[in-house]
Amino acid sequence: MSLLATIQKLNKRYGDGTIAAASKCDALFVTKIPTGSLALDVALRGGWPQGRMIELSGVFSAGKTSLIFATAREFQRLSEEHIVIFIDAENALDRNWLEKSGVNMDRFLITNLRSGEDIGQAIKEILFNADKPLLLIVDSLAHVIPMKEIEDDQEDSHPGIQARLINKMLRVITPALRRSLTDPNLPMSTVMFLNQIREKVAAYGRDNETTPGGRGKEFATSVHVKLKNGGFIYGTGESKIGKKAIFEVKKSKTGPPAETGEFDLYFKPGSKTREARIDNVEALIRYGVLYEVITKKGGGSFTFNSFSSPTSMQKIRGEDNLKEFLRSHPTEFRALSLEVIRKCSCGYATIGKGYTLPKRQKKSKARAEASRKVRRQKTTRER
């Protein structure tokens, strides 16, 4: 039997597209979901990859939930058929915060299942029977609890039981996501896992952090982003008007890994809730100049092609005036942001010259250089 006859036989047995040429697999061209943060979109070369598994981990109050709500909002804006399913394992969802984040509440489904087995079974059935593009969010993996832990006494020990449960869940999710690679008629679904940070037992040094759920998820996920708290942003006096979130791309199969950056979360003036919005204006100016979407000239003047009048150039003097213009003209802001994403996603080249590391990393590099200087002086004295 020839190879062609064998392929036809397998396609007939398991369905059309079981074995197909790469040129006919449109899903191999990875489409991206905007993250809601322009700086993270640039680092990921367009955003979260659609049709893959993603892990977003970080310390408490680092901006994980704000970022995930922004992602849900942007995902819903791509199409009216896009639906978000939120599995609230932590029981920490705030409806008021969700509404103020701009999410379409009718296309944002919430479930609060009891055990990890129920969550795994629900994810399996949803993905295999989905007829619309989905963004499925699990908040968080650390609270996906096996039924045995719920039913047994508190003093009972079950080492590794949560990791085994989560790894089994990942093995089921992978073929469900893989179906759309060769069948263009199937919707593209994406699974995002939020996760917490733990410290390794009896581990010393810098690399002593880990995430719950075992090591299998590190291989199953296509993207892993880690968030850190970058401190508060202060306004007049001692008033806190926002905070910085520092991110690090720990793994990326759809872009360059080890990218770092930061974005700003500003609190709504006078708001007593935990509402916070990601501000992308400063990121747009920084990356717009870097990718030559915005031209910066001497004297602090900025020029760029106007979206409302493509044949004319918009010229604004002063960075503060440019920020005010972009905030008051959302159409211009959107057009410039899309142009930055288009330019940065052409290939997987590094960001290149002009990109500055976060302040915390600059300090760590300065401390490392000072430490090396002290060691050199000590060695010289000993000689």
Protein backbone atom coordinates (compact mmCIF):
# COMPACT_ATOMS: atom_id res chain seq x y z
CA MET A 1 0.00 0.00 0.00
CA SER A 2 1.39 3.40 -0.99
CA LEU A 3 1.76 6.33 1.39
CA LEU A 4 -1.06 8.26 -0.33
CA ALA A 5 -3.44 5.32 0.01
CA THR A 6 -2.52 4.96 3.69
CA ILE A 7 -3.20 8.66 4.33
CA GLN A 8 -6.57 8.42 2.57
CA LYS A 9 -7.44 5.35 4.63
CA LEU A 10 -6.55 7.09 7.90
CA ASN A 11 -8.49 10.22 6.93
CA LYS A 12 -11.50 8.06 6.13
CA ARG A 13 -11.22 6.19 9.42
CA TYR A 14 -10.54 9.14 11.75
CA GLY A 15 -12.08 12.01 9.76
CA ASP A 16 -10.98 14.41 7.04
CA GLY A 17 -7.89 16.41 7.89
CA THR A 18 -6.42 13.82 10.27
CA ILE A 19 -3.26 13.96 8.16
CA ALA A 20 -2.91 17.08 6.05
CA ALA A 21 -0.21 19.15 4.40
CA ALA A 22 1.13 22.02 6.48
CA SER A 23 0.19 24.41 3.66
CA LYS A 24 -3.50 23.52 4.25
CA CYS A 25 -3.38 23.93 8.04
CA ASP A 26 -4.40 27.56 8.47
CA ALA A 27 -4.34 27.17 12.24
CA LEU A 28 -0.55 26.82 12.13
CA PHE A 29 -0.52 30.57 11.47
CA VAL A 30 -0.99 31.49 15.11
CA THR A 31 -3.56 34.20 15.68
CA LYS A 32 -3.13 36.39 18.73
CA ILE A 33 -5.48 37.68 21.43
CA PRO A 34 -4.64 41.18 22.73
CA THR A 35 -3.64 41.08 26.37
CA GLY A 36 -4.94 44.56 27.20
CA SER A 37 -1.38 45.73 27.89
CA LEU A 38 0.51 47.13 24.90
CA ALA A 39 3.89 46.44 26.54
CA LEU A 40 2.99 42.76 27.02
CA ASP A 41 1.58 42.58 23.47
CA VAL A 42 4.95 43.76 22.17
CA ALA A 43 6.84 41.24 24.32
CA LEU A 44 4.57 38.40 23.10
CA ARG A 45 4.68 39.69 19.51
CA GLY A 46 0.98 40.40 19.24
CA GLY A 47 -0.60 38.93 22.38
CA TRP A 48 -1.67 35.56 23.78
CA PRO A 49 -1.63 32.74 21.17
CA GLN A 50 -5.12 31.52 20.32
CA GLY A 51 -5.76 27.78 20.51
CA ARG A 52 -3.04 27.14 23.11
CA MET A 53 -2.64 26.70 26.87
CA ILE A 54 -1.29 29.70 28.78
CA GLU A 55 -0.10 30.15 32.36
CA LEU A 56 -0.11 33.52 34.13
CA SER A 57 1.54 33.39 37.55
CA GLY A 58 2.58 36.00 40.05
CA VAL A 59 2.65 37.21 43.63
CA PHE A 60 -0.47 38.56 45.31
CA SER A 61 -1.64 42.03 44.23
CA ALA A 62 0.60 41.97 41.15
CA GLY A 63 -2.19 42.74 38.65
CA LYS A 64 -3.11 39.22 37.48
CA THR A 65 -6.88 39.69 37.74
CA SER A 66 -6.79 43.17 36.16
CA LEU A 67 -4.78 41.77 33.27
CA ILE A 68 -7.08 38.77 32.81
CA PHE A 69 -10.18 41.00 32.78
CA ALA A 70 -8.52 43.23 30.17
CA THR A 71 -7.76 40.12 28.09
CA ALA A 72 -11.38 38.97 28.36
CA ARG A 73 -12.58 42.40 27.23
CA GLU A 74 -10.25 42.44 24.22
CA PHE A 75 -11.19 38.85 23.31
CA GLN A 76 -14.89 39.74 23.28
CA ARG A 77 -14.20 42.79 21.11
CA LEU A 78 -12.69 40.62 18.37
CA SER A 79 -16.08 39.06 17.56
CA GLU A 80 -19.62 38.98 18.91
CA GLU A 81 -19.42 35.17 18.90
CA HIS A 82 -16.48 35.03 21.32
CA ILE A 83 -17.43 33.75 24.76
CA VAL A 84 -15.41 33.79 27.98
CA ILE A 85 -15.88 31.04 30.60
CA PHE A 86 -14.43 31.83 34.03
CA ILE A 87 -13.89 28.98 36.50
CA ASP A 88 -13.72 30.74 39.88
CA ALA A 89 -11.89 28.14 41.96
CA GLU A 90 -10.70 30.81 44.43
CA ASN A 91 -14.21 32.21 45.00
CA ALA A 92 -12.77 35.73 44.69
CA LEU A 93 -14.66 37.21 41.72
CA ASP A 94 -16.11 40.69 42.16
CA ARG A 95 -19.03 41.53 39.85
CA ASN A 96 -18.68 45.31 40.24
CA TRP A 97 -15.01 45.16 39.30
CA LEU A 98 -15.84 42.90 36.37
CA GLU A 99 -18.47 45.30 35.00
CA LYS A 100 -16.20 48.33 35.36
CA SER A 101 -13.46 46.50 33.44
CA GLY A 102 -15.57 46.77 30.28
CA VAL A 103 -16.44 43.07 29.98
CA ASN A 104 -19.67 42.08 28.21
CA MET A 105 -21.51 40.38 31.06
CA ASP A 106 -23.84 38.41 28.75
CA ARG A 107 -20.88 36.69 27.08
CA PHE A 108 -18.94 36.13 30.32
CA LEU A 109 -20.00 32.83 31.91
CA ILE A 110 -19.06 31.96 35.50
CA THR A 111 -18.89 28.59 37.18
CA ASN A 112 -17.87 27.66 40.70
CA LEU A 113 -17.31 23.90 40.71
CA ARG A 114 -16.42 22.09 43.88
CA SER A 115 -13.50 19.76 43.12
CA GLY A 116 -10.63 19.43 40.67
CA GLU A 117 -12.22 16.33 39.14
CA ASP A 118 -15.40 18.32 38.40
CA ILE A 119 -13.36 21.16 36.89
CA GLY A 120 -11.40 18.76 34.67
CA GLN A 121 -14.54 17.00 33.46
CA ALA A 122 -16.27 20.32 32.75
CA ILE A 123 -13.31 21.63 30.75
CA LYS A 124 -13.17 18.41 28.75
CA GLU A 125 -16.87 18.47 27.82
CA ILE A 126 -16.86 22.21 27.04
CA LEU A 127 -13.85 22.03 24.72
CA PHE A 128 -14.96 18.90 22.86
CA ASN A 129 -18.49 20.25 22.29
CA ALA A 130 -17.73 23.93 21.70
CA ASP A 131 -19.30 25.46 18.59
CA LYS A 132 -17.97 28.98 19.21
CA PRO A 133 -14.50 30.37 19.96
CA LEU A 134 -13.89 30.23 23.71
CA LEU A 135 -11.50 31.76 26.20
CA LEU A 136 -11.56 29.47 29.23
CA ILE A 137 -9.95 30.91 32.38
CA VAL A 138 -9.16 28.91 35.53
CA ASP A 139 -8.54 31.04 38.64
CA SER A 140 -6.43 29.48 39.93
CA LEU A 141 -4.53 26.20 39.59
CA ALA A 142 -3.45 26.43 43.22
CA HIS A 143 -7.12 26.04 44.26
CA VAL A 144 -7.95 23.10 42.00
CA ILE A 145 -8.43 20.69 44.91
CA PRO A 146 -8.80 16.91 44.51
CA MET A 147 -12.01 15.41 45.88
CA LYS A 148 -10.01 13.13 48.18
CA GLU A 149 -8.59 16.16 50.02
CA ILE A 150 -12.11 17.56 50.48
CA GLU A 151 -13.59 14.30 51.81
CA ASP A 152 -10.68 13.15 54.01
CA ASP A 153 -9.71 14.53 57.41
CA GLN A 154 -7.48 17.57 57.74
CA GLU A 155 -4.54 15.64 59.15
CA ASP A 156 -4.45 13.17 56.24
CA SER A 157 -1.51 13.64 53.87
CA HIS A 158 -1.69 13.13 50.09
CA PRO A 159 1.70 13.98 48.58
CA GLY A 160 1.60 14.73 44.86
CA ILE A 161 -2.15 14.18 44.48
CA GLN A 162 -2.85 17.69 43.17
CA ALA A 163 0.00 17.52 40.64
CA ARG A 164 -1.25 14.16 39.32
CA LEU A 165 -4.79 15.55 38.98
CA ILE A 166 -3.64 18.66 37.10
CA ASN A 167 -1.32 16.70 34.81
CA LYS A 168 -4.20 14.39 33.88
CA MET A 169 -6.34 17.46 33.18
CA LEU A 170 -3.64 18.88 30.87
CA ARG A 171 -3.37 15.59 28.96
CA VAL A 172 -7.12 15.76 28.25
CA ILE A 173 -7.10 19.45 27.26
CA THR A 174 -4.27 19.07 24.73
CA PRO A 175 -6.13 16.86 22.20
CA ALA A 176 -9.24 19.01 22.59
CA LEU A 177 -7.27 22.10 21.55
CA ARG A 178 -5.40 20.20 18.83
CA ARG A 179 -8.57 19.30 16.91
CA SER A 180 -8.83 22.74 15.28
CA LEU A 181 -5.34 22.52 13.75
CA THR A 182 -6.44 20.39 10.81
CA ASP A 183 -10.18 21.14 10.72
CA PRO A 184 -10.92 24.82 9.89
CA ASN A 185 -14.62 24.28 10.65
CA LEU A 186 -13.93 23.78 14.35
CA PRO A 187 -13.75 26.89 16.60
CA MET A 188 -10.45 27.92 18.15
CA SER A 189 -10.49 27.71 21.94
CA THR A 190 -7.88 28.98 24.38
CA VAL A 191 -7.26 27.92 27.98
CA MET A 192 -5.61 30.25 30.51
CA PHE A 193 -4.48 29.17 33.97
CA LEU A 194 -3.85 31.71 36.68
CA ASN A 195 -1.41 30.49 39.29
CA GLN A 196 0.17 31.56 42.54
CA ILE A 197 3.76 31.56 43.76
CA ARG A 198 5.21 29.19 46.35
CA GLU A 199 8.71 28.76 47.77
CA LYS A 200 10.56 25.49 47.38
CA VAL A 201 11.19 23.55 50.57
CA ALA A 202 14.87 23.52 51.64
CA ALA A 203 15.88 25.55 48.58
CA TYR A 204 18.26 28.47 48.98
CA GLY A 205 19.41 31.14 46.59
CA ARG A 206 17.62 33.19 43.97
CA ASP A 207 15.73 30.43 42.15
CA ASN A 208 13.64 29.19 45.06
CA GLU A 209 10.17 29.99 43.69
CA THR A 210 7.79 27.52 42.11
CA THR A 211 4.11 27.28 41.15
CA PRO A 212 1.56 24.68 42.34
CA GLY A 213 0.44 21.93 39.97
CA GLY A 214 3.58 19.94 39.25
CA ARG A 215 6.07 20.26 36.43
CA GLY A 216 3.88 18.84 33.68
CA LYS A 217 2.22 22.21 33.06
CA GLU A 218 5.62 23.72 32.21
CA PHE A 219 5.74 21.47 29.12
CA ALA A 220 2.04 21.63 28.23
CA THR A 221 1.70 25.42 28.15
CA SER A 222 2.83 27.44 25.14
CA VAL A 223 3.28 30.70 27.06
CA HIS A 224 4.14 31.38 30.69
CA VAL A 225 4.20 34.95 31.97
CA LYS A 226 5.20 35.86 35.51
CA LEU A 227 4.05 39.10 37.17
CA LYS A 228 5.71 41.03 39.99
CA ASN A 229 4.58 44.03 41.97
CA GLY A 230 6.59 47.08 40.90
CA GLY A 231 5.39 49.40 43.66
CA PHE A 232 2.86 52.21 43.85
CA ILE A 233 2.62 55.28 41.64
CA TYR A 234 2.22 58.42 43.72
CA GLY A 235 0.40 61.59 42.77
CA THR A 236 0.43 64.86 44.67
CA GLY A 237 1.66 64.35 48.18
CA GLU A 238 1.43 60.78 49.44
CA SER A 239 -1.72 59.82 47.52
CA LYS A 240 -1.46 56.52 45.66
CA ILE A 241 -2.90 56.85 42.17
CA GLY A 242 -1.74 53.53 40.71
CA LYS A 243 0.89 50.82 40.72
CA LYS A 244 3.38 49.25 38.35
CA ALA A 245 3.32 45.61 37.26
CA ILE A 246 6.58 44.06 36.08
CA PHE A 247 6.28 41.04 33.79
CA GLU A 248 8.72 38.41 32.57
CA VAL A 249 8.02 35.99 29.72
CA LYS A 250 9.34 32.75 31.21
CA LYS A 251 8.35 30.68 28.16
CA SER A 252 6.96 31.41 24.70
CA LYS A 253 6.56 29.01 21.79
CA THR A 254 5.05 31.72 19.61
CA GLY A 255 7.61 34.46 20.16
CA PRO A 256 10.96 35.22 21.77
CA PRO A 257 11.30 34.09 25.41
CA ALA A 258 12.91 35.97 28.29
CA GLU A 259 11.34 39.31 27.35
CA THR A 260 10.70 41.70 30.24
CA GLY A 261 8.78 44.93 30.68
CA GLU A 262 6.23 46.74 32.78
CA PHE A 263 2.82 48.36 32.54
CA ASP A 264 0.92 50.82 34.70
CA LEU A 265 -2.33 50.22 36.57
CA TYR A 266 -4.12 53.42 37.56
CA PHE A 267 -6.87 53.58 40.17
CA LYS A 268 -10.05 55.44 39.34
CA PRO A 269 -10.08 58.81 41.14
CA GLY A 270 -12.41 58.73 44.14
CA SER A 271 -13.09 55.00 43.79
CA LYS A 272 -13.24 53.00 47.01
CA THR A 273 -13.30 49.66 45.17
CA ARG A 274 -10.26 47.75 43.93
CA GLU A 275 -10.96 48.89 40.40
CA ALA A 276 -7.81 49.51 38.34
CA ARG A 277 -7.28 50.15 34.64
CA ILE A 278 -4.21 49.44 32.54
CA ASP A 279 -2.83 52.66 31.04
CA ASN A 280 -1.12 52.11 27.67
CA VAL A 281 -0.41 55.71 26.68
CA GLU A 282 3.19 55.81 27.91
CA ALA A 283 3.85 52.38 26.39
CA LEU A 284 2.47 53.56 23.04
CA ILE A 285 4.79 56.57 23.00
CA ARG A 286 7.81 54.45 23.99
CA TYR A 287 7.23 51.65 21.49
CA GLY A 288 5.84 54.00 18.84
CA VAL A 289 9.15 55.86 18.77
CA LEU A 290 11.07 52.57 18.90
CA TYR A 291 9.26 51.08 15.90
CA GLU A 292 9.17 54.41 14.04
CA VAL A 293 5.39 54.70 14.13
CA ILE A 294 5.89 58.02 15.95
CA THR A 295 8.79 60.27 15.00
CA LYS A 296 10.45 62.17 17.81
CA LYS A 297 12.42 65.24 16.84
CA GLY A 298 14.56 67.71 18.70
CA GLY A 299 12.84 70.02 21.12
CA GLY A 300 10.35 67.34 22.19
CA SER A 301 8.08 67.43 19.13
CA PHE A 302 6.29 64.28 17.91
CA THR A 303 4.88 63.60 14.44
CA PHE A 304 2.81 60.66 13.13
CA ASN A 305 0.35 59.83 10.38
CA SER A 306 -3.16 60.86 11.34
CA PHE A 307 -5.79 58.12 11.14
CA SER A 308 -8.61 60.59 10.47
CA SER A 309 -6.66 62.08 7.55
CA PRO A 310 -4.07 59.58 6.21
CA THR A 311 -2.51 62.11 3.85
CA SER A 312 -1.71 64.58 6.65
CA MET A 313 0.82 64.45 9.45
CA GLN A 314 -0.14 65.19 13.03
CA LYS A 315 2.45 67.24 14.89
CA ILE A 316 2.36 67.71 18.66
CA ARG A 317 4.92 69.48 20.80
CA GLY A 318 5.67 68.08 24.24
CA GLU A 319 5.16 64.59 25.64
CA ASP A 320 2.45 65.72 28.07
CA ASN A 321 0.45 67.22 25.21
CA LEU A 322 0.86 64.00 23.24
CA LYS A 323 -0.44 61.96 26.19
CA GLU A 324 -3.46 64.24 26.50
CA PHE A 325 -4.11 63.99 22.74
CA LEU A 326 -3.98 60.18 22.75
CA ARG A 327 -6.30 59.90 25.77
CA SER A 328 -8.85 62.23 24.20
CA HIS A 329 -8.70 60.61 20.72
CA PRO A 330 -9.30 56.84 21.16
CA THR A 331 -9.48 56.25 17.39
CA GLU A 332 -5.98 57.65 16.87
CA PHE A 333 -4.74 55.72 19.90
CA ARG A 334 -6.19 52.45 18.55
CA ALA A 335 -4.75 52.98 15.07
CA LEU A 336 -1.24 53.72 16.36
CA SER A 337 -1.37 50.74 18.74
CA LEU A 338 -2.34 48.37 15.92
CA GLU A 339 0.50 49.72 13.78
CA VAL A 340 3.00 49.09 16.60
CA ILE A 341 1.67 45.51 17.00
CA ARG A 342 1.87 44.95 13.24
CA LYS A 343 5.50 46.03 13.11
CA CYS A 344 6.67 44.18 16.21
CA SER A 345 5.00 40.89 15.22
CA CYS A 346 6.83 40.63 11.87
CA GLY A 347 9.30 37.91 12.88
CA TYR A 348 10.62 36.96 16.28
CA ALA A 349 13.51 39.42 16.47
CA THR A 350 14.29 40.91 19.85
CA ILE A 351 13.01 44.36 20.65
CA GLY A 352 16.45 45.79 20.05
CA LYS A 353 18.10 49.11 20.77
CA GLY A 354 16.12 51.66 22.71
CA TYR A 355 14.36 49.26 25.08
CA THR A 356 15.10 49.98 28.74
CA LEU A 357 14.97 47.40 31.50
CA PRO A 358 12.65 47.95 34.47
CA LYS A 359 14.16 49.99 37.30
CA ARG A 360 14.33 47.01 39.63
CA GLN A 361 16.51 45.10 37.14
CA LYS A 362 18.75 48.13 36.70
CA LYS A 363 19.34 48.17 40.45
CA SER A 364 20.14 44.47 40.52
CA LYS A 365 22.69 44.94 37.72
CA ALA A 366 24.26 47.85 39.63
CA ARG A 367 24.47 45.72 42.79
CA ALA A 368 26.07 42.90 40.81
CA GLU A 369 28.67 45.27 39.39
CA ALA A 370 29.40 46.68 42.85
CA SER A 371 29.80 43.14 44.21
CA ARG A 372 32.26 42.26 41.45
CA LYS A 373 34.23 45.44 42.20
CA VAL A 374 34.48 44.53 45.89
CA ARG A 375 35.69 41.01 45.02
CA ARG A 376 38.35 42.42 42.70
CA GLN A 377 39.59 44.81 45.40
CA LYS A 378 39.69 41.98 47.93
CA THR A 379 41.67 39.77 45.56
CA THR A 380 44.14 42.61 44.93
CA ARG A 381 44.72 43.12 48.68
CA GLU A 382 45.30 39.41 49.24
CA ARG A 383 47.93 39.36 46.51
